[in-house]
């Protein structure tokens, strides 16, 4: 396993799941690394970005948890240099410029998906080059 990419969080957008998202994400990273015998495999996370910077409530809690797990924050020393969270809220495109008004699928906007994929790829390259 060369590394892991994670972009998820909509279904955790209720108060109960959001409150435990950070703890669960830490466990997920540790469990996947153990399962695949890749203890330091790079792990790149994209924040959820529904509504862009107007995000509020439990979804904002999820996005904040995703940012908290990034090795750059120093909150989890074991993740320094091997876990990176990329911010995606700038990539949100309103329904008025998108194929469909379906926020949980980013209004089916291809630009959003391309930008998120690019950010995840660049994050992975950054971690891989840091080794």
N, C-alpha and C. Protein backbone atom coordinates (compact mmCIF):
# COMPACT_ATOMS: atom_id res chain seq x y z
N UNK A 1 0.86 -1.17 0.00
CA UNK A 1 0.00 0.00 0.00
C UNK A 1 0.90 1.24 0.00
N UNK A 2 0.72 2.07 -1.01
CA UNK A 2 1.52 3.29 -1.12
C UNK A 2 0.94 4.42 -0.26
N UNK A 3 -0.37 4.39 -0.03
CA UNK A 3 -1.00 5.43 0.76
C UNK A 3 -2.51 5.32 0.70
N UNK A 4 -3.17 6.16 1.47
CA UNK A 4 -4.62 6.16 1.57
C UNK A 4 -5.15 7.57 1.30
N UNK A 5 -6.33 7.64 0.67
CA UNK A 5 -7.03 8.90 0.45
C UNK A 5 -8.42 8.76 1.04
N UNK A 6 -8.90 9.80 1.72
CA UNK A 6 -10.19 9.74 2.39
C UNK A 6 -10.95 11.03 2.13
N UNK A 7 -12.14 10.89 1.53
CA UNK A 7 -13.03 12.04 1.32
C UNK A 7 -14.44 11.57 1.62
N UNK A 8 -14.89 11.83 2.82
CA UNK A 8 -16.14 11.30 3.32
C UNK A 8 -16.59 12.19 4.46
N UNK A 9 -17.89 12.15 4.79
CA UNK A 9 -18.33 12.86 5.96
C UNK A 9 -19.78 13.32 5.94
N UNK A 10 -20.43 13.27 4.80
CA UNK A 10 -21.81 13.74 4.75
C UNK A 10 -22.72 12.96 5.68
N UNK A 11 -22.59 11.65 5.68
CA UNK A 11 -23.49 10.81 6.50
C UNK A 11 -23.20 10.95 7.99
N UNK A 12 -22.10 11.60 8.34
CA UNK A 12 -21.78 11.85 9.75
C UNK A 12 -22.23 13.24 10.18
N UNK A 13 -23.06 13.88 9.36
CA UNK A 13 -23.48 15.24 9.61
C UNK A 13 -24.64 15.40 10.56
N UNK A 14 -24.76 14.53 11.53
CA UNK A 14 -25.72 14.75 12.62
C UNK A 14 -24.90 14.94 13.89
N UNK A 15 -25.52 15.51 14.90
CA UNK A 15 -24.78 15.91 16.10
C UNK A 15 -24.06 14.75 16.77
N UNK A 16 -24.67 13.59 16.84
CA UNK A 16 -24.07 12.45 17.53
C UNK A 16 -22.82 11.95 16.80
N UNK A 17 -22.95 11.71 15.49
CA UNK A 17 -21.82 11.20 14.73
C UNK A 17 -20.71 12.25 14.60
N UNK A 18 -21.10 13.50 14.40
CA UNK A 18 -20.11 14.57 14.24
C UNK A 18 -19.26 14.72 15.50
N UNK A 19 -19.88 14.56 16.66
CA UNK A 19 -19.15 14.72 17.92
C UNK A 19 -18.04 13.68 18.08
N UNK A 20 -18.18 12.54 17.44
CA UNK A 20 -17.19 11.47 17.56
C UNK A 20 -16.32 11.31 16.31
N UNK A 21 -16.52 12.19 15.33
CA UNK A 21 -15.85 12.02 14.06
C UNK A 21 -14.32 12.04 14.19
N UNK A 22 -13.79 12.98 14.91
CA UNK A 22 -12.32 13.07 15.05
C UNK A 22 -11.75 11.79 15.66
N UNK A 23 -12.32 11.35 16.75
CA UNK A 23 -11.88 10.13 17.42
C UNK A 23 -11.98 8.93 16.47
N UNK A 24 -13.09 8.84 15.75
CA UNK A 24 -13.27 7.73 14.82
C UNK A 24 -12.30 7.79 13.65
N UNK A 25 -11.99 8.99 13.18
CA UNK A 25 -11.05 9.13 12.07
C UNK A 25 -9.64 8.70 12.49
N UNK A 26 -9.24 9.06 13.68
CA UNK A 26 -7.94 8.62 14.20
C UNK A 26 -7.90 7.09 14.24
N UNK A 27 -8.95 6.49 14.74
CA UNK A 27 -9.01 5.02 14.80
C UNK A 27 -9.00 4.39 13.41
N UNK A 28 -9.71 5.00 12.46
CA UNK A 28 -9.73 4.49 11.10
C UNK A 28 -8.32 4.47 10.50
N UNK A 29 -7.61 5.57 10.64
CA UNK A 29 -6.25 5.65 10.12
C UNK A 29 -5.38 4.55 10.74
N UNK A 30 -5.44 4.43 12.04
CA UNK A 30 -4.63 3.43 12.73
C UNK A 30 -5.03 2.01 12.33
N UNK A 31 -6.33 1.75 12.21
CA UNK A 31 -6.79 0.40 11.83
C UNK A 31 -6.41 0.03 10.40
N UNK A 32 -6.57 0.97 9.47
CA UNK A 32 -6.19 0.68 8.08
C UNK A 32 -4.70 0.42 7.96
N UNK A 33 -3.91 1.20 8.65
CA UNK A 33 -2.46 0.99 8.60
C UNK A 33 -2.09 -0.37 9.19
N UNK A 34 -2.75 -0.75 10.26
CA UNK A 34 -2.50 -2.06 10.86
C UNK A 34 -2.95 -3.18 9.93
N UNK A 35 -4.17 -3.07 9.42
CA UNK A 35 -4.73 -4.10 8.54
C UNK A 35 -3.86 -4.34 7.32
N UNK A 36 -3.32 -3.28 6.74
CA UNK A 36 -2.52 -3.41 5.52
C UNK A 36 -1.02 -3.45 5.79
N UNK A 37 -0.66 -3.58 7.08
CA UNK A 37 0.74 -3.67 7.47
C UNK A 37 1.57 -2.54 6.85
N UNK A 38 1.03 -1.34 6.99
CA UNK A 38 1.67 -0.14 6.45
C UNK A 38 1.62 0.95 7.52
N UNK A 39 2.41 0.82 8.58
CA UNK A 39 2.27 1.67 9.76
C UNK A 39 2.48 3.17 9.52
N UNK A 40 3.19 3.54 8.50
CA UNK A 40 3.42 4.96 8.23
C UNK A 40 2.93 5.37 6.84
N UNK A 41 2.06 4.55 6.23
CA UNK A 41 1.55 4.88 4.91
C UNK A 41 0.94 6.27 4.93
N UNK A 42 1.26 7.10 3.94
CA UNK A 42 0.67 8.43 3.89
C UNK A 42 -0.86 8.35 3.82
N UNK A 43 -1.49 9.29 4.47
CA UNK A 43 -2.95 9.33 4.54
C UNK A 43 -3.37 10.77 4.27
N UNK A 44 -4.07 11.00 3.17
CA UNK A 44 -4.52 12.34 2.81
C UNK A 44 -6.04 12.39 2.93
N UNK A 45 -6.51 13.40 3.61
CA UNK A 45 -7.93 13.59 3.89
C UNK A 45 -8.38 14.89 3.22
N UNK A 46 -9.54 14.86 2.59
CA UNK A 46 -10.17 16.09 2.08
C UNK A 46 -11.31 16.43 3.02
N UNK A 47 -11.38 17.69 3.41
CA UNK A 47 -12.51 18.09 4.23
C UNK A 47 -13.79 18.00 3.40
N UNK A 48 -14.90 17.85 4.08
CA UNK A 48 -16.17 18.01 3.37
C UNK A 48 -16.32 19.50 3.08
N UNK A 49 -17.08 19.82 2.05
CA UNK A 49 -17.18 21.22 1.67
C UNK A 49 -18.56 21.70 1.33
N UNK A 50 -19.59 21.01 1.79
CA UNK A 50 -20.97 21.37 1.47
C UNK A 50 -21.27 22.80 1.89
N UNK A 51 -21.67 23.62 0.95
CA UNK A 51 -22.01 25.01 1.27
C UNK A 51 -20.81 25.92 1.34
N UNK A 52 -19.63 25.40 1.07
CA UNK A 52 -18.42 26.23 1.13
C UNK A 52 -18.18 26.77 2.52
N UNK A 53 -17.79 28.03 2.58
CA UNK A 53 -17.45 28.65 3.87
C UNK A 53 -18.69 29.02 4.68
N UNK A 54 -19.88 28.78 4.15
CA UNK A 54 -21.11 29.02 4.90
C UNK A 54 -21.53 27.79 5.70
N UNK A 55 -20.73 26.74 5.65
CA UNK A 55 -21.05 25.51 6.36
C UNK A 55 -21.22 25.79 7.86
N UNK A 56 -22.20 25.14 8.45
CA UNK A 56 -22.47 25.33 9.87
C UNK A 56 -22.95 24.02 10.48
N UNK A 57 -23.11 24.02 11.78
CA UNK A 57 -23.67 22.87 12.49
C UNK A 57 -22.78 21.65 12.46
N UNK A 58 -23.40 20.46 12.50
CA UNK A 58 -22.62 19.22 12.57
C UNK A 58 -21.66 19.01 11.40
N UNK A 59 -22.02 19.47 10.20
CA UNK A 59 -21.08 19.31 9.08
C UNK A 59 -19.80 20.13 9.32
N UNK A 60 -19.94 21.31 9.91
CA UNK A 60 -18.74 22.09 10.26
C UNK A 60 -17.92 21.36 11.31
N UNK A 61 -18.58 20.70 12.23
CA UNK A 61 -17.87 19.91 13.25
C UNK A 61 -17.06 18.81 12.57
N UNK A 62 -17.63 18.17 11.56
CA UNK A 62 -16.91 17.13 10.82
C UNK A 62 -15.70 17.72 10.11
N UNK A 63 -15.88 18.83 9.41
CA UNK A 63 -14.77 19.46 8.70
C UNK A 63 -13.67 19.87 9.68
N UNK A 64 -14.05 20.43 10.82
CA UNK A 64 -13.05 20.81 11.83
C UNK A 64 -12.31 19.58 12.36
N UNK A 65 -13.02 18.48 12.52
CA UNK A 65 -12.38 17.24 12.98
C UNK A 65 -11.39 16.73 11.95
N UNK A 66 -11.75 16.83 10.68
CA UNK A 66 -10.84 16.39 9.62
C UNK A 66 -9.57 17.24 9.62
N UNK A 67 -9.71 18.53 9.85
CA UNK A 67 -8.54 19.40 9.93
C UNK A 67 -7.72 19.11 11.18
N UNK A 68 -8.36 18.76 12.27
CA UNK A 68 -7.66 18.50 13.53
C UNK A 68 -6.76 17.27 13.45
N UNK A 69 -7.10 16.34 12.58
CA UNK A 69 -6.34 15.09 12.47
C UNK A 69 -5.08 15.27 11.61
N UNK A 70 -5.02 16.35 10.84
CA UNK A 70 -3.86 16.58 9.99
C UNK A 70 -2.58 16.65 10.81
N UNK A 71 -1.54 16.01 10.34
CA UNK A 71 -0.26 16.03 11.05
C UNK A 71 0.32 17.42 11.19
N UNK A 72 -0.14 18.34 10.37
CA UNK A 72 0.35 19.72 10.44
C UNK A 72 -0.13 20.45 11.68
N UNK A 73 -1.21 19.98 12.31
CA UNK A 73 -1.72 20.67 13.50
C UNK A 73 -0.90 20.33 14.74
N UNK A 74 -0.23 19.19 14.72
CA UNK A 74 0.55 18.77 15.88
C UNK A 74 -0.28 18.14 16.98
N UNK A 75 -1.57 18.03 16.77
CA UNK A 75 -2.45 17.47 17.79
C UNK A 75 -2.20 15.98 17.99
N UNK A 76 -1.82 15.30 16.90
CA UNK A 76 -1.51 13.87 16.95
C UNK A 76 -0.08 13.69 16.45
N UNK A 77 0.88 13.69 17.36
CA UNK A 77 2.29 13.64 16.96
C UNK A 77 2.62 12.46 16.04
N UNK A 78 1.91 11.35 16.20
CA UNK A 78 2.17 10.18 15.37
C UNK A 78 1.79 10.42 13.90
N UNK A 79 1.04 11.47 13.62
CA UNK A 79 0.61 11.77 12.26
C UNK A 79 1.45 12.84 11.58
N UNK A 80 2.43 13.40 12.30
CA UNK A 80 3.27 14.44 11.71
C UNK A 80 4.05 13.87 10.53
N UNK A 81 3.89 14.51 9.39
CA UNK A 81 4.61 14.11 8.19
C UNK A 81 4.01 12.93 7.45
N UNK A 82 2.92 12.36 7.97
CA UNK A 82 2.32 11.22 7.26
C UNK A 82 0.80 11.28 7.15
N UNK A 83 0.17 12.29 7.73
CA UNK A 83 -1.26 12.54 7.54
C UNK A 83 -1.41 14.02 7.19
N UNK A 84 -2.17 14.28 6.14
CA UNK A 84 -2.38 15.66 5.69
C UNK A 84 -3.84 15.84 5.32
N UNK A 85 -4.44 16.92 5.82
CA UNK A 85 -5.80 17.25 5.45
C UNK A 85 -5.77 18.44 4.50
N UNK A 86 -6.50 18.32 3.39
CA UNK A 86 -6.61 19.42 2.45
C UNK A 86 -7.98 20.05 2.58
N UNK A 87 -8.02 21.36 2.57
CA UNK A 87 -9.26 22.12 2.70
C UNK A 87 -9.96 22.19 1.35
N UNK A 88 -11.26 21.85 1.32
CA UNK A 88 -11.98 21.84 0.04
C UNK A 88 -13.12 22.85 -0.03
N UNK A 89 -13.35 23.62 1.01
CA UNK A 89 -14.51 24.52 0.98
C UNK A 89 -14.44 25.58 -0.11
N UNK A 90 -13.23 25.91 -0.55
CA UNK A 90 -13.09 26.86 -1.66
C UNK A 90 -13.60 26.26 -2.98
N UNK A 91 -13.72 24.95 -3.04
CA UNK A 91 -14.10 24.28 -4.28
C UNK A 91 -15.61 24.12 -4.45
N UNK A 92 -16.38 24.55 -3.47
CA UNK A 92 -17.83 24.47 -3.54
C UNK A 92 -18.33 25.36 -4.66
N UNK A 93 -19.22 24.82 -5.48
CA UNK A 93 -19.86 25.58 -6.54
C UNK A 93 -21.37 25.54 -6.31
N UNK A 94 -21.98 26.69 -6.35
CA UNK A 94 -23.41 26.84 -6.11
C UNK A 94 -24.22 26.08 -7.14
N UNK A 95 -25.43 25.72 -6.78
CA UNK A 95 -26.33 25.01 -7.70
C UNK A 95 -26.61 25.82 -8.95
N UNK A 96 -26.56 27.13 -8.86
CA UNK A 96 -26.86 27.97 -10.02
C UNK A 96 -25.83 27.81 -11.14
N UNK A 97 -24.65 27.30 -10.84
CA UNK A 97 -23.61 27.08 -11.85
C UNK A 97 -23.26 25.59 -11.97
N UNK A 98 -24.18 24.75 -11.52
CA UNK A 98 -23.95 23.31 -11.49
C UNK A 98 -25.08 22.57 -12.20
N UNK A 99 -24.82 21.32 -12.57
CA UNK A 99 -25.86 20.54 -13.26
C UNK A 99 -27.10 20.24 -12.42
N UNK A 100 -26.95 20.18 -11.11
CA UNK A 100 -28.08 19.76 -10.30
C UNK A 100 -27.99 20.34 -8.90
N UNK A 101 -29.11 20.63 -8.30
CA UNK A 101 -29.15 21.11 -6.92
C UNK A 101 -29.18 19.91 -5.99
N UNK A 102 -28.01 19.39 -5.68
CA UNK A 102 -27.88 18.19 -4.86
C UNK A 102 -26.62 18.36 -4.00
N UNK A 103 -26.75 19.15 -2.94
CA UNK A 103 -25.56 19.56 -2.19
C UNK A 103 -24.68 18.42 -1.71
N UNK A 104 -25.26 17.32 -1.27
CA UNK A 104 -24.45 16.23 -0.75
C UNK A 104 -23.62 15.55 -1.82
N UNK A 105 -23.91 15.82 -3.09
CA UNK A 105 -23.06 15.36 -4.20
C UNK A 105 -22.39 16.56 -4.87
N UNK A 106 -22.20 17.61 -4.08
CA UNK A 106 -21.53 18.82 -4.56
C UNK A 106 -22.19 19.37 -5.82
N UNK A 107 -23.51 19.26 -5.85
CA UNK A 107 -24.32 19.74 -6.97
C UNK A 107 -23.88 19.12 -8.30
N UNK A 108 -23.23 17.98 -8.17
CA UNK A 108 -22.73 17.24 -9.35
C UNK A 108 -21.85 18.11 -10.24
N UNK A 109 -21.11 18.98 -9.60
CA UNK A 109 -20.25 19.90 -10.34
C UNK A 109 -18.89 19.26 -10.61
N UNK A 110 -18.59 19.03 -11.88
CA UNK A 110 -17.35 18.35 -12.26
C UNK A 110 -16.11 19.14 -11.84
N UNK A 111 -16.21 20.46 -11.84
CA UNK A 111 -15.06 21.27 -11.42
C UNK A 111 -14.71 20.99 -9.96
N UNK A 112 -15.72 20.89 -9.13
CA UNK A 112 -15.48 20.58 -7.71
C UNK A 112 -14.74 19.25 -7.57
N UNK A 113 -15.22 18.23 -8.25
CA UNK A 113 -14.58 16.91 -8.16
C UNK A 113 -13.15 16.96 -8.68
N UNK A 114 -12.92 17.69 -9.76
CA UNK A 114 -11.58 17.80 -10.31
C UNK A 114 -10.64 18.51 -9.32
N UNK A 115 -11.11 19.60 -8.74
CA UNK A 115 -10.29 20.35 -7.80
C UNK A 115 -9.99 19.55 -6.53
N UNK A 116 -10.96 18.83 -6.04
CA UNK A 116 -10.73 18.00 -4.86
C UNK A 116 -9.73 16.89 -5.18
N UNK A 117 -9.92 16.23 -6.31
CA UNK A 117 -8.99 15.18 -6.71
C UNK A 117 -7.58 15.70 -6.88
N UNK A 118 -7.45 16.87 -7.49
CA UNK A 118 -6.14 17.48 -7.66
C UNK A 118 -5.49 17.79 -6.31
N UNK A 119 -6.27 18.36 -5.40
CA UNK A 119 -5.75 18.68 -4.07
C UNK A 119 -5.32 17.43 -3.32
N UNK A 120 -6.12 16.36 -3.42
CA UNK A 120 -5.75 15.10 -2.78
C UNK A 120 -4.45 14.55 -3.38
N UNK A 121 -4.36 14.58 -4.71
CA UNK A 121 -3.15 14.09 -5.38
C UNK A 121 -1.92 14.89 -4.99
N UNK A 122 -2.05 16.20 -4.97
CA UNK A 122 -0.92 17.04 -4.57
C UNK A 122 -0.53 16.80 -3.11
N UNK A 123 -1.54 16.58 -2.27
CA UNK A 123 -1.24 16.26 -0.87
C UNK A 123 -0.48 14.96 -0.74
N UNK A 124 -0.87 13.96 -1.52
CA UNK A 124 -0.17 12.68 -1.49
C UNK A 124 1.26 12.83 -1.99
N UNK A 125 1.44 13.57 -3.06
CA UNK A 125 2.81 13.81 -3.57
C UNK A 125 3.65 14.48 -2.50
N UNK A 126 3.07 15.47 -1.82
CA UNK A 126 3.79 16.17 -0.75
C UNK A 126 4.25 15.20 0.34
N UNK A 127 3.36 14.33 0.76
CA UNK A 127 3.72 13.36 1.80
C UNK A 127 4.75 12.35 1.29
N UNK A 128 4.57 11.87 0.07
CA UNK A 128 5.50 10.89 -0.48
C UNK A 128 6.89 11.49 -0.68
N UNK A 129 6.96 12.74 -1.09
CA UNK A 129 8.25 13.39 -1.28
C UNK A 129 8.94 13.68 0.04
N UNK A 130 8.15 13.79 1.11
CA UNK A 130 8.70 14.06 2.43
C UNK A 130 9.40 12.88 3.06
N UNK A 131 9.25 11.70 2.45
CA UNK A 131 9.85 10.49 3.02
C UNK A 131 11.32 10.42 2.72
